[in-house]
Amino acid sequence: MNDMRKPETGNAVFSVQNGTEPPFLLHLKGRDRWALESLMQAGPTGCTPIDHPGPRWSGYVFNLRQAGVTIETLYEAHDGPYRGTHARYVLHSTVKRADLGEVAA
C-alpha cells in the first residue's frame, strides 16, 4: 500500500501485552507512533526500511523496546549496487489502540 498522505503522528494511546504479562498503556506520538502502527499493520511479515521508508527505523525500534514493546530484528541479504543486509522488524507484542474507557481506567 503506497498511501502518500501524511501519516497521523499526534498523541495516541496503545494497549500492549507481552505473553501472559498484564497489558500496559503506552502513550506515543511522532515517528514512534508511526513505526508502531506500521508494525501493527504489517503483521507477521514485519517492516523493513526498504518497504516502509523512514529515516531512523533502528531508533524508533529502540524507543519502542525501551517502552516495553517486544520487536524481533531479522537480517536479510539484498543485492544491487550496494548489496549487503538490511533489518526486518517484526512485532511480537499484542498491541491495539486503546479506547477512551481504557485510558480513563
C-alpha atoms as a PDB file:
ATOM      1  CA  MET A   1       0.000   0.000   0.000  1.00  0.00           C
ATOM      2  CA  ASN A   2       1.583   3.282  -1.100  1.00  0.00           C
ATOM      3  CA  ASP A   3      -0.608   5.850   0.590  1.00  0.00           C
ATOM      4  CA  MET A   4       1.168   9.166   0.080  1.00  0.00           C
ATOM      5  CA  ARG A   5      -0.893  11.065   2.659  1.00  0.00           C
ATOM      6  CA  LYS A   6       0.990  12.398   5.658  1.00  0.00           C
ATOM      7  CA  PRO A   7       0.702   9.808   8.457  1.00  0.00           C
ATOM      8  CA  GLU A   8      -1.062  10.625  11.703  1.00  0.00           C
ATOM      9  CA  THR A   9       1.614  11.474  14.269  1.00  0.00           C
ATOM     10  CA  GLY A  10      -0.305  13.193  17.089  1.00  0.00           C
ATOM     11  CA  ASN A  11      -0.753  11.643  20.525  1.00  0.00           C
ATOM     12  CA  ALA A  12      -2.232   8.135  20.632  1.00  0.00           C
ATOM     13  CA  VAL A  13      -2.620   5.523  23.354  1.00  0.00           C
ATOM     14  CA  PHE A  14      -1.994   1.809  22.818  1.00  0.00           C
ATOM     15  CA  SER A  15      -2.622  -1.256  24.956  1.00  0.00           C
ATOM     16  CA  VAL A  16       0.456  -3.511  24.860  1.00  0.00           C
ATOM     17  CA  GLN A  17       0.640  -7.093  26.120  1.00  0.00           C
ATOM     18  CA  ASN A  18       3.679  -9.371  26.151  1.00  0.00           C
ATOM     19  CA  GLY A  19       2.759 -13.030  26.534  1.00  0.00           C
ATOM     20  CA  THR A  20       0.898 -13.655  29.786  1.00  0.00           C
ATOM     21  CA  GLU A  21       2.039 -10.412  31.446  1.00  0.00           C
ATOM     22  CA  PRO A  22      -0.670  -7.866  32.236  1.00  0.00           C
ATOM     23  CA  PRO A  23      -1.218  -5.302  29.487  1.00  0.00           C
ATOM     24  CA  PHE A  24       0.021  -1.758  29.925  1.00  0.00           C
ATOM     25  CA  LEU A  25      -0.855   1.540  28.267  1.00  0.00           C
ATOM     26  CA  LEU A  26       1.675   3.271  26.068  1.00  0.00           C
ATOM     27  CA  HIS A  27       1.324   6.915  25.003  1.00  0.00           C
ATOM     28  CA  LEU A  28       3.080   7.657  21.699  1.00  0.00           C
ATOM     29  CA  LYS A  29       3.370  10.413  19.149  1.00  0.00           C
ATOM     30  CA  GLY A  30       5.513  11.273  16.159  1.00  0.00           C
ATOM     31  CA  ARG A  31       7.643   8.725  14.374  1.00  0.00           C
ATOM     32  CA  ASP A  32       7.493   6.257  17.277  1.00  0.00           C
ATOM     33  CA  ARG A  33       3.717   6.136  16.818  1.00  0.00           C
ATOM     34  CA  TRP A  34       4.152   5.823  13.062  1.00  0.00           C
ATOM     35  CA  ALA A  35       6.611   2.935  13.465  1.00  0.00           C
ATOM     36  CA  LEU A  36       4.371   1.035  15.903  1.00  0.00           C
ATOM     37  CA  GLU A  37       1.320   1.460  13.666  1.00  0.00           C
ATOM     38  CA  SER A  38       3.381   0.311  10.650  1.00  0.00           C
ATOM     39  CA  LEU A  39       4.443  -2.814  12.562  1.00  0.00           C
ATOM     40  CA  MET A  40       0.857  -3.477  13.653  1.00  0.00           C
ATOM     41  CA  GLN A  41      -0.393  -3.164  10.075  1.00  0.00           C
ATOM     42  CA  ALA A  42       2.415  -5.340   8.661  1.00  0.00           C
ATOM     43  CA  GLY A  43       1.575  -8.278  10.949  1.00  0.00           C
ATOM     44  CA  PRO A  44       3.903 -11.303  10.908  1.00  0.00           C
ATOM     45  CA  THR A  45       5.600 -10.095   7.713  1.00  0.00           C
ATOM     46  CA  GLY A  46       7.163  -7.188   9.584  1.00  0.00           C
ATOM     47  CA  CYS A  47       8.645  -3.994   8.171  1.00  0.00           C
ATOM     48  CA  THR A  48      11.916  -3.041   6.554  1.00  0.00           C
ATOM     49  CA  PRO A  49      13.259   0.436   5.869  1.00  0.00           C
ATOM     50  CA  ILE A  50      13.023  -0.550   2.200  1.00  0.00           C
ATOM     51  CA  ASP A  51       9.248  -1.202   2.113  1.00  0.00           C
ATOM     52  CA  HIS A  52       8.358   1.347   4.831  1.00  0.00           C
ATOM     53  CA  PRO A  53      10.822   4.217   4.303  1.00  0.00           C
ATOM     54  CA  GLY A  54      11.662   6.125   7.449  1.00  0.00           C
ATOM     55  CA  PRO A  55      14.852   7.961   8.362  1.00  0.00           C
ATOM     56  CA  ARG A  56      15.677   6.149  11.630  1.00  0.00           C
ATOM     57  CA  TRP A  57      13.899   2.814  11.918  1.00  0.00           C
ATOM     58  CA  SER A  58      16.519   1.479  14.317  1.00  0.00           C
ATOM     59  CA  GLY A  59      15.959   4.492  16.575  1.00  0.00           C
ATOM     60  CA  TYR A  60      12.171   4.057  16.586  1.00  0.00           C
ATOM     61  CA  VAL A  61      12.528   0.352  17.371  1.00  0.00           C
ATOM     62  CA  PHE A  62      14.981   1.173  20.171  1.00  0.00           C
ATOM     63  CA  ASN A  63      12.479   3.626  21.693  1.00  0.00           C
ATOM     64  CA  LEU A  64       9.617   1.127  21.444  1.00  0.00           C
ATOM     65  CA  ARG A  65      11.712  -1.625  23.034  1.00  0.00           C
ATOM     66  CA  GLN A  66      12.697   0.724  25.866  1.00  0.00           C
ATOM     67  CA  ALA A  67       8.964   1.319  26.415  1.00  0.00           C
ATOM     68  CA  GLY A  68       8.350  -2.455  26.737  1.00  0.00           C
ATOM     69  CA  VAL A  69       7.272  -3.457  23.229  1.00  0.00           C
ATOM     70  CA  THR A  70       8.697  -6.784  22.006  1.00  0.00           C
ATOM     71  CA  ILE A  71      10.138  -6.462  18.495  1.00  0.00           C
ATOM     72  CA  GLU A  72      12.357  -9.019  16.751  1.00  0.00           C
ATOM     73  CA  THR A  73      15.095  -7.988  14.315  1.00  0.00           C
ATOM     74  CA  LEU A  74      15.778 -10.325  11.393  1.00  0.00           C
ATOM     75  CA  TYR A  75      18.665  -9.666   9.000  1.00  0.00           C
ATOM     76  CA  GLU A  76      18.101 -10.210   5.283  1.00  0.00           C
ATOM     77  CA  ALA A  77      20.526 -10.070   2.379  1.00  0.00           C
ATOM     78  CA  HIS A  78      19.846  -7.779  -0.565  1.00  0.00           C
ATOM     79  CA  ASP A  79      21.521  -7.398  -3.951  1.00  0.00           C
ATOM     80  CA  GLY A  80      22.118  -4.380  -6.119  1.00  0.00           C
ATOM     81  CA  PRO A  81      24.933  -1.861  -6.355  1.00  0.00           C
ATOM     82  CA  TYR A  82      25.018  -1.547  -2.535  1.00  0.00           C
ATOM     83  CA  ARG A  83      24.475  -5.187  -1.670  1.00  0.00           C
ATOM     84  CA  GLY A  84      24.571  -6.219   1.930  1.00  0.00           C
ATOM     85  CA  THR A  85      21.963  -6.778   4.618  1.00  0.00           C
ATOM     86  CA  HIS A  86      19.011  -4.869   5.955  1.00  0.00           C
ATOM     87  CA  ALA A  87      16.842  -5.318   9.020  1.00  0.00           C
ATOM     88  CA  ARG A  88      13.274  -6.588   9.108  1.00  0.00           C
ATOM     89  CA  TYR A  89      11.411  -5.686  12.291  1.00  0.00           C
ATOM     90  CA  VAL A  90       8.605  -7.972  13.475  1.00  0.00           C
ATOM     91  CA  LEU A  91       6.202  -7.055  16.269  1.00  0.00           C
ATOM     92  CA  HIS A  92       5.684  -9.822  18.832  1.00  0.00           C
ATOM     93  CA  SER A  93       3.700  -7.907  21.451  1.00  0.00           C
ATOM     94  CA  THR A  94      -0.077  -7.865  21.143  1.00  0.00           C
ATOM     95  CA  VAL A  95      -0.902  -4.212  20.519  1.00  0.00           C
ATOM     96  CA  LYS A  96      -4.179  -2.411  19.929  1.00  0.00           C
ATOM     97  CA  ARG A  97      -5.309   1.182  20.034  1.00  0.00           C
ATOM     98  CA  ALA A  98      -6.718   1.911  23.483  1.00  0.00           C
ATOM     99  CA  ASP A  99     -10.203   3.384  23.671  1.00  0.00           C
ATOM    100  CA  LEU A 100     -11.077   6.281  25.940  1.00  0.00           C
ATOM    101  CA  GLY A 101     -12.553   3.932  28.557  1.00  0.00           C
ATOM    102  CA  GLU A 102      -9.227   2.126  28.956  1.00  0.00           C
ATOM    103  CA  VAL A 103      -7.309   5.397  29.234  1.00  0.00           C
ATOM    104  CA  ALA A 104      -9.640   6.695  31.980  1.00  0.00           C
ATOM    105  CA  ALA A 105      -9.438   3.447  33.973  1.00  0.00           C
END
